[in-house]
Amino acid sequence: MTRSFIAAWLALIPLGAWSPAVHEIQTKLAARMIPSPLAAMLHSQREALLESARGLPSDEAPTLEDVRAQYLRIRRVSGAHPTPRRLAVELGLLGHLVQTLTDPGATRGMTPLREAFTAFADENLGKLVLTRAPVWAKDGGFDLGPHLEAWVREKSERHQRILEQFDQANGARLGDWGELSIPFAQLQLSFCSGVHATANLWILLWREVGDLWPVPAESPAR
């Protein structure tokens, strides 16, 4: 699978929102939270994983159904015993989609708020930290619905909080968007949500169809 093929394939899918740099960091952090055999396999395909995770610019933001569709796609692809590179591309795209699903700046189209929040994330990327959260996928059920719906609700609530700090008419930030501000708090929370969501979906797939993947089947998380 060549780089040009990956780019052409990604262009058919709604992406956008966070900048490629943010997606790359989120994906790298998620890869530290998964079973070590899977992490080793993804590390061996690091370039393909990160290229897919960074994505391509798009005005459209992925929906809950887009994330579910990619999850189910990986389940189907797994039946054909994918190569490590193919699997890394598919998992990278799943990460990109769910990271965007949890981005409160990406709701509909390329709005001034979305542009401002994307730029704000890039400005503060070095200040963000990954906080702890339960890894429910290690032993939870396989129903994605409640988790996807919870992420969408959180996104809507965080979007509203940011919107209150933004002048839509002039496309400008209201007040101080510093480290103690409401927008920074929503940035920190949503950044972590994207990382944890990515790791949890990868782990859940590993439990479901990991025995069909080109990685050892044994893992403490299974």
C-alpha atoms as a PDB file:
ATOM      1  CA  MET A   1       0.000   0.000   0.000  1.00  0.00           C
ATOM      2  CA  THR A   2       1.782   3.131  -1.235  1.00  0.00           C
ATOM      3  CA  ARG A   3       1.665   6.573   0.358  1.00  0.00           C
ATOM      4  CA  SER A   4      -0.264   7.957  -2.621  1.00  0.00           C
ATOM      5  CA  PHE A   5      -2.836   5.167  -2.258  1.00  0.00           C
ATOM      6  CA  ILE A   6      -3.291   5.941   1.439  1.00  0.00           C
ATOM      7  CA  ALA A   7      -3.753   9.638   0.697  1.00  0.00           C
ATOM      8  CA  ALA A   8      -6.316   8.950  -2.044  1.00  0.00           C
ATOM      9  CA  TRP A   9      -8.233   6.583   0.227  1.00  0.00           C
ATOM     10  CA  LEU A  10      -8.255   9.015   3.146  1.00  0.00           C
ATOM     11  CA  ALA A  11      -9.566  11.766   0.879  1.00  0.00           C
ATOM     12  CA  LEU A  12     -12.848   9.847   0.583  1.00  0.00           C
ATOM     13  CA  ILE A  13     -13.513   9.955   4.336  1.00  0.00           C
ATOM     14  CA  PRO A  14     -14.578  12.944   6.520  1.00  0.00           C
ATOM     15  CA  LEU A  15     -11.532  14.101   8.482  1.00  0.00           C
ATOM     16  CA  GLY A  16     -10.435  17.600   9.472  1.00  0.00           C
ATOM     17  CA  ALA A  17     -10.518  19.447  12.840  1.00  0.00           C
ATOM     18  CA  TRP A  18      -7.394  19.099  15.034  1.00  0.00           C
ATOM     19  CA  SER A  19      -4.202  19.835  13.147  1.00  0.00           C
ATOM     20  CA  PRO A  20      -2.009  16.905  12.018  1.00  0.00           C
ATOM     21  CA  ALA A  21       0.418  17.701  14.863  1.00  0.00           C
ATOM     22  CA  VAL A  22      -2.272  17.258  17.518  1.00  0.00           C
ATOM     23  CA  HIS A  23      -3.513  14.017  15.974  1.00  0.00           C
ATOM     24  CA  GLU A  24       0.030  12.673  15.853  1.00  0.00           C
ATOM     25  CA  ILE A  25       0.633  13.346  19.540  1.00  0.00           C
ATOM     26  CA  GLN A  26      -2.721  11.874  20.529  1.00  0.00           C
ATOM     27  CA  THR A  27      -1.992   8.737  18.524  1.00  0.00           C
ATOM     28  CA  LYS A  28       1.491   8.317  19.992  1.00  0.00           C
ATOM     29  CA  LEU A  29       0.095   8.627  23.512  1.00  0.00           C
ATOM     30  CA  ALA A  30      -2.678   6.119  22.798  1.00  0.00           C
ATOM     31  CA  ALA A  31      -0.082   3.639  21.550  1.00  0.00           C
ATOM     32  CA  ARG A  32       1.473   3.655  25.031  1.00  0.00           C
ATOM     33  CA  MET A  33      -1.768   2.461  26.625  1.00  0.00           C
ATOM     34  CA  ILE A  34      -2.392  -0.701  24.606  1.00  0.00           C
ATOM     35  CA  PRO A  35      -1.194  -4.316  24.988  1.00  0.00           C
ATOM     36  CA  SER A  36       2.549  -4.534  24.401  1.00  0.00           C
ATOM     37  CA  PRO A  37       2.394  -6.958  21.411  1.00  0.00           C
ATOM     38  CA  LEU A  38       0.000  -4.625  19.578  1.00  0.00           C
ATOM     39  CA  ALA A  39       2.080  -1.607  20.529  1.00  0.00           C
ATOM     40  CA  ALA A  40       5.189  -3.310  19.128  1.00  0.00           C
ATOM     41  CA  MET A  41       3.431  -4.106  15.862  1.00  0.00           C
ATOM     42  CA  LEU A  42       2.197  -0.524  15.466  1.00  0.00           C
ATOM     43  CA  HIS A  43       5.660   0.794  16.285  1.00  0.00           C
ATOM     44  CA  SER A  44       7.055  -1.341  13.458  1.00  0.00           C
ATOM     45  CA  GLN A  45       4.559   0.411  11.136  1.00  0.00           C
ATOM     46  CA  ARG A  46       4.979   3.827  12.716  1.00  0.00           C
ATOM     47  CA  GLU A  47       5.112   5.818   9.473  1.00  0.00           C
ATOM     48  CA  ALA A  48       1.897   4.283   8.084  1.00  0.00           C
ATOM     49  CA  LEU A  49       0.114   4.637  11.433  1.00  0.00           C
ATOM     50  CA  LEU A  50       0.960   8.309  11.872  1.00  0.00           C
ATOM     51  CA  GLU A  51       0.295   9.239   8.246  1.00  0.00           C
ATOM     52  CA  SER A  52      -3.181   7.761   8.552  1.00  0.00           C
ATOM     53  CA  ALA A  53      -3.731   9.314  11.986  1.00  0.00           C
ATOM     54  CA  ARG A  54      -2.725  12.804  10.806  1.00  0.00           C
ATOM     55  CA  GLY A  55      -5.364  12.652   8.062  1.00  0.00           C
ATOM     56  CA  LEU A  56      -6.170  15.209   5.390  1.00  0.00           C
ATOM     57  CA  PRO A  57      -7.923  18.600   5.635  1.00  0.00           C
ATOM     58  CA  SER A  58     -11.703  18.522   5.276  1.00  0.00           C
ATOM     59  CA  ASP A  59     -14.609  20.847   6.017  1.00  0.00           C
ATOM     60  CA  GLU A  60     -16.689  17.938   7.283  1.00  0.00           C
ATOM     61  CA  ALA A  61     -16.442  16.611  10.824  1.00  0.00           C
ATOM     62  CA  PRO A  62     -16.945  12.861  11.346  1.00  0.00           C
ATOM     63  CA  THR A  63     -20.098  11.672  13.028  1.00  0.00           C
ATOM     64  CA  LEU A  64     -20.782   8.963  15.561  1.00  0.00           C
ATOM     65  CA  GLU A  65     -21.768   6.715  12.654  1.00  0.00           C
ATOM     66  CA  ASP A  66     -18.484   7.394  10.835  1.00  0.00           C
ATOM     67  CA  VAL A  67     -16.559   6.134  13.859  1.00  0.00           C
ATOM     68  CA  ARG A  68     -18.797   3.087  14.203  1.00  0.00           C
ATOM     69  CA  ALA A  69     -18.446   2.318  10.483  1.00  0.00           C
ATOM     70  CA  GLN A  70     -14.642   2.382  10.669  1.00  0.00           C
ATOM     71  CA  TYR A  71     -14.708   0.154  13.759  1.00  0.00           C
ATOM     72  CA  LEU A  72     -16.878  -2.374  11.923  1.00  0.00           C
ATOM     73  CA  ARG A  73     -14.684  -2.058   8.846  1.00  0.00           C
ATOM     74  CA  ILE A  74     -11.650  -3.139  10.869  1.00  0.00           C
ATOM     75  CA  ARG A  75     -13.597  -6.126  12.157  1.00  0.00           C
ATOM     76  CA  ARG A  76     -14.395  -7.135   8.570  1.00  0.00           C
ATOM     77  CA  VAL A  77     -10.869  -6.509   7.296  1.00  0.00           C
ATOM     78  CA  SER A  78      -9.501  -8.632  10.122  1.00  0.00           C
ATOM     79  CA  GLY A  79     -11.174 -11.696   8.626  1.00  0.00           C
ATOM     80  CA  ALA A  80      -8.790 -11.420   5.675  1.00  0.00           C
ATOM     81  CA  HIS A  81      -5.746 -11.465   7.997  1.00  0.00           C
ATOM     82  CA  PRO A  82      -4.434  -7.973   7.126  1.00  0.00           C
ATOM     83  CA  THR A  83      -0.762  -7.168   6.842  1.00  0.00           C
ATOM     84  CA  PRO A  84       0.766  -5.112   9.667  1.00  0.00           C
ATOM     85  CA  ARG A  85       0.865  -2.051   7.416  1.00  0.00           C
ATOM     86  CA  ARG A  86      -2.795  -2.361   6.403  1.00  0.00           C
ATOM     87  CA  LEU A  87      -3.834  -2.817  10.008  1.00  0.00           C
ATOM     88  CA  ALA A  88      -1.793   0.205  11.117  1.00  0.00           C
ATOM     89  CA  VAL A  89      -3.475   2.365   8.460  1.00  0.00           C
ATOM     90  CA  GLU A  90      -6.951   1.200   9.508  1.00  0.00           C
ATOM     91  CA  LEU A  91      -6.277   1.716  13.216  1.00  0.00           C
ATOM     92  CA  GLY A  92      -4.690   5.102  12.538  1.00  0.00           C
ATOM     93  CA  LEU A  93      -7.803   6.234  10.708  1.00  0.00           C
ATOM     94  CA  LEU A  94     -10.043   4.994  13.522  1.00  0.00           C
ATOM     95  CA  GLY A  95      -7.961   7.023  15.951  1.00  0.00           C
ATOM     96  CA  HIS A  96      -8.208  10.113  13.768  1.00  0.00           C
ATOM     97  CA  LEU A  97     -11.971   9.823  13.504  1.00  0.00           C
ATOM     98  CA  VAL A  98     -12.631   9.365  17.207  1.00  0.00           C
ATOM     99  CA  GLN A  99     -10.160  12.109  18.122  1.00  0.00           C
ATOM    100  CA  THR A 100     -12.105  14.458  15.859  1.00  0.00           C
ATOM    101  CA  LEU A 101     -15.392  13.200  17.258  1.00  0.00           C
ATOM    102  CA  THR A 102     -14.221  14.376  20.696  1.00  0.00           C
ATOM    103  CA  ASP A 103     -12.892  17.736  19.413  1.00  0.00           C
ATOM    104  CA  PRO A 104     -15.372  20.429  20.581  1.00  0.00           C
ATOM    105  CA  GLY A 105     -14.226  22.795  17.863  1.00  0.00           C
ATOM    106  CA  ALA A 106     -15.284  20.437  15.062  1.00  0.00           C
ATOM    107  CA  THR A 107     -19.049  20.447  14.792  1.00  0.00           C
ATOM    108  CA  ARG A 108     -20.247  21.509  11.354  1.00  0.00           C
ATOM    109  CA  GLY A 109     -18.249  22.872   8.460  1.00  0.00           C
ATOM    110  CA  MET A 110     -15.212  25.134   8.742  1.00  0.00           C
ATOM    111  CA  THR A 111     -16.541  27.803  11.117  1.00  0.00           C
ATOM    112  CA  PRO A 112     -14.526  30.712  12.574  1.00  0.00           C
ATOM    113  CA  LEU A 113     -14.710  29.018  15.979  1.00  0.00           C
ATOM    114  CA  ARG A 114     -13.302  25.809  14.568  1.00  0.00           C
ATOM    115  CA  GLU A 115     -10.408  27.664  12.950  1.00  0.00           C
ATOM    116  CA  ALA A 116      -9.722  29.577  16.167  1.00  0.00           C
ATOM    117  CA  PHE A 117      -9.843  26.492  18.374  1.00  0.00           C
ATOM    118  CA  THR A 118      -7.591  24.511  16.029  1.00  0.00           C
ATOM    119  CA  ALA A 119      -5.037  27.325  16.130  1.00  0.00           C
ATOM    120  CA  PHE A 120      -5.402  27.536  19.919  1.00  0.00           C
ATOM    121  CA  ALA A 121      -4.661  23.821  20.225  1.00  0.00           C
ATOM    122  CA  ASP A 122      -1.497  24.182  18.157  1.00  0.00           C
ATOM    123  CA  GLU A 123      -0.366  27.142  20.269  1.00  0.00           C
ATOM    124  CA  ASN A 124      -0.774  25.164  23.479  1.00  0.00           C
ATOM    125  CA  LEU A 125       0.177  21.646  22.412  1.00  0.00           C
ATOM    126  CA  GLY A 126       3.326  21.683  24.527  1.00  0.00           C
ATOM    127  CA  LYS A 127       1.320  22.562  27.651  1.00  0.00           C
ATOM    128  CA  LEU A 128      -1.160  19.695  27.450  1.00  0.00           C
ATOM    129  CA  VAL A 129      -0.814  16.651  29.700  1.00  0.00           C
ATOM    130  CA  LEU A 130      -2.461  13.251  29.615  1.00  0.00           C
ATOM    131  CA  THR A 131      -4.533  12.619  32.710  1.00  0.00           C
ATOM    132  CA  ARG A 132      -5.552   9.190  33.970  1.00  0.00           C
ATOM    133  CA  ALA A 133      -8.911   7.650  33.112  1.00  0.00           C
ATOM    134  CA  PRO A 134     -10.420   4.157  33.439  1.00  0.00           C
ATOM    135  CA  VAL A 135      -9.535   1.834  30.541  1.00  0.00           C
ATOM    136  CA  TRP A 136     -13.020   0.364  30.231  1.00  0.00           C
ATOM    137  CA  ALA A 137     -12.182  -1.667  27.115  1.00  0.00           C
ATOM    138  CA  LYS A 138      -9.961  -4.095  29.040  1.00  0.00           C
ATOM    139  CA  ASP A 139     -12.903  -6.013  30.448  1.00  0.00           C
ATOM    140  CA  GLY A 140     -16.053  -4.133  29.414  1.00  0.00           C
ATOM    141  CA  GLY A 141     -18.757  -5.168  26.972  1.00  0.00           C
ATOM    142  CA  PHE A 142     -18.529  -4.732  23.208  1.00  0.00           C
ATOM    143  CA  ASP A 143     -21.444  -2.333  22.748  1.00  0.00           C
ATOM    144  CA  LEU A 144     -19.994   0.900  21.366  1.00  0.00           C
ATOM    145  CA  GLY A 145     -23.262   2.811  21.470  1.00  0.00           C
ATOM    146  CA  PRO A 146     -23.162   4.167  25.042  1.00  0.00           C
ATOM    147  CA  HIS A 147     -19.540   5.291  24.701  1.00  0.00           C
ATOM    148  CA  LEU A 148     -20.057   6.995  21.338  1.00  0.00           C
ATOM    149  CA  GLU A 149     -23.146   8.767  22.645  1.00  0.00           C
ATOM    150  CA  ALA A 150     -21.320   9.902  25.782  1.00  0.00           C
ATOM    151  CA  TRP A 151     -18.465  11.335  23.687  1.00  0.00           C
ATOM    152  CA  VAL A 152     -20.935  13.245  21.503  1.00  0.00           C
ATOM    153  CA  ARG A 153     -22.713  14.660  24.572  1.00  0.00           C
ATOM    154  CA  GLU A 154     -19.416  15.770  26.109  1.00  0.00           C
ATOM    155  CA  LYS A 155     -18.385  17.357  22.842  1.00  0.00           C
ATOM    156  CA  SER A 156     -21.634  19.326  22.623  1.00  0.00           C
ATOM    157  CA  GLU A 157     -21.293  20.587  26.201  1.00  0.00           C
ATOM    158  CA  ARG A 158     -17.661  21.595  25.700  1.00  0.00           C
ATOM    159  CA  HIS A 159     -18.478  23.288  22.395  1.00  0.00           C
ATOM    160  CA  GLN A 160     -21.082  25.423  24.121  1.00  0.00           C
ATOM    161  CA  ARG A 161     -18.628  26.487  26.837  1.00  0.00           C
ATOM    162  CA  ILE A 162     -16.077  27.551  24.230  1.00  0.00           C
ATOM    163  CA  LEU A 163     -18.738  29.310  22.165  1.00  0.00           C
ATOM    164  CA  GLU A 164     -19.553  31.514  25.162  1.00  0.00           C
ATOM    165  CA  GLN A 165     -15.948  32.749  25.035  1.00  0.00           C
ATOM    166  CA  PHE A 166     -15.993  33.567  21.309  1.00  0.00           C
ATOM    167  CA  ASP A 167     -17.343  36.443  19.234  1.00  0.00           C
ATOM    168  CA  GLN A 168     -18.883  34.701  16.234  1.00  0.00           C
ATOM    169  CA  ALA A 169     -19.686  37.951  14.424  1.00  0.00           C
ATOM    170  CA  ASN A 170     -16.060  39.084  14.391  1.00  0.00           C
ATOM    171  CA  GLY A 171     -14.407  35.649  14.552  1.00  0.00           C
ATOM    172  CA  ALA A 172     -12.415  36.680  17.618  1.00  0.00           C
ATOM    173  CA  ARG A 173     -11.659  35.301  21.060  1.00  0.00           C
ATOM    174  CA  LEU A 174     -13.383  36.966  23.997  1.00  0.00           C
ATOM    175  CA  GLY A 175     -11.221  37.680  27.014  1.00  0.00           C
ATOM    176  CA  ASP A 176      -8.100  35.818  27.992  1.00  0.00           C
ATOM    177  CA  TRP A 177      -7.596  32.337  26.535  1.00  0.00           C
ATOM    178  CA  GLY A 178      -4.745  31.567  28.910  1.00  0.00           C
ATOM    179  CA  GLU A 179      -3.976  28.416  30.885  1.00  0.00           C
ATOM    180  CA  LEU A 180      -6.607  29.260  33.521  1.00  0.00           C
ATOM    181  CA  SER A 181      -9.335  30.016  30.989  1.00  0.00           C
ATOM    182  CA  ILE A 182     -12.443  28.031  30.117  1.00  0.00           C
ATOM    183  CA  PRO A 183     -11.240  27.381  26.528  1.00  0.00           C
ATOM    184  CA  PHE A 184      -7.948  25.963  27.811  1.00  0.00           C
ATOM    185  CA  ALA A 185      -9.813  23.684  30.238  1.00  0.00           C
ATOM    186  CA  GLN A 186     -11.986  22.375  27.387  1.00  0.00           C
ATOM    187  CA  LEU A 187      -8.883  21.895  25.245  1.00  0.00           C
ATOM    188  CA  GLN A 188      -7.166  19.871  27.959  1.00  0.00           C
ATOM    189  CA  LEU A 189     -10.247  17.733  28.590  1.00  0.00           C
ATOM    190  CA  SER A 190     -10.977  17.038  24.933  1.00  0.00           C
ATOM    191  CA  PHE A 191      -7.322  16.295  24.139  1.00  0.00           C
ATOM    192  CA  CYS A 192      -7.329  13.608  26.840  1.00  0.00           C
ATOM    193  CA  SER A 193     -10.714  12.302  25.729  1.00  0.00           C
ATOM    194  CA  GLY A 194      -9.356  11.738  22.227  1.00  0.00           C
ATOM    195  CA  VAL A 195      -6.330   9.842  23.485  1.00  0.00           C
ATOM    196  CA  HIS A 196      -8.336   7.610  25.816  1.00  0.00           C
ATOM    197  CA  ALA A 197     -11.046   7.005  23.224  1.00  0.00           C
ATOM    198  CA  THR A 198      -8.425   5.916  20.685  1.00  0.00           C
ATOM    199  CA  ALA A 199      -6.741   3.526  23.101  1.00  0.00           C
ATOM    200  CA  ASN A 200     -10.041   2.051  24.267  1.00  0.00           C
ATOM    201  CA  LEU A 201     -11.277   1.370  20.734  1.00  0.00           C
ATOM    202  CA  TRP A 202      -7.971  -0.252  19.794  1.00  0.00           C
ATOM    203  CA  ILE A 203      -8.075  -2.453  22.898  1.00  0.00           C
ATOM    204  CA  LEU A 204     -11.695  -3.416  22.306  1.00  0.00           C
ATOM    205  CA  LEU A 205     -10.881  -4.482  18.747  1.00  0.00           C
ATOM    206  CA  TRP A 206      -7.842  -6.365  20.031  1.00  0.00           C
ATOM    207  CA  ARG A 207     -10.112  -8.337  22.349  1.00  0.00           C
ATOM    208  CA  GLU A 208     -12.645  -8.995  19.585  1.00  0.00           C
ATOM    209  CA  VAL A 209     -10.499  -9.858  16.565  1.00  0.00           C
ATOM    210  CA  GLY A 210      -6.880  -9.577  17.696  1.00  0.00           C
ATOM    211  CA  ASP A 211      -6.342 -13.282  17.185  1.00  0.00           C
ATOM    212  CA  LEU A 212      -6.631 -12.584  13.434  1.00  0.00           C
ATOM    213  CA  TRP A 213      -4.006  -9.838  13.495  1.00  0.00           C
ATOM    214  CA  PRO A 214      -0.268 -10.272  12.762  1.00  0.00           C
ATOM    215  CA  VAL A 215       0.647  -9.922  16.440  1.00  0.00           C
ATOM    216  CA  PRO A 216       0.946 -12.474  19.296  1.00  0.00           C
ATOM    217  CA  ALA A 217      -2.417 -13.436  20.757  1.00  0.00           C
ATOM    218  CA  GLU A 218      -1.308 -13.419  24.393  1.00  0.00           C
ATOM    219  CA  SER A 219      -1.701 -10.205  26.375  1.00  0.00           C
ATOM    220  CA  PRO A 220      -2.652  -9.236  29.942  1.00  0.00           C
ATOM    221  CA  ALA A 221      -5.422  -7.049  28.459  1.00  0.00           C
ATOM    222  CA  ARG A 222      -7.183  -9.948  26.744  1.00  0.00           C
END
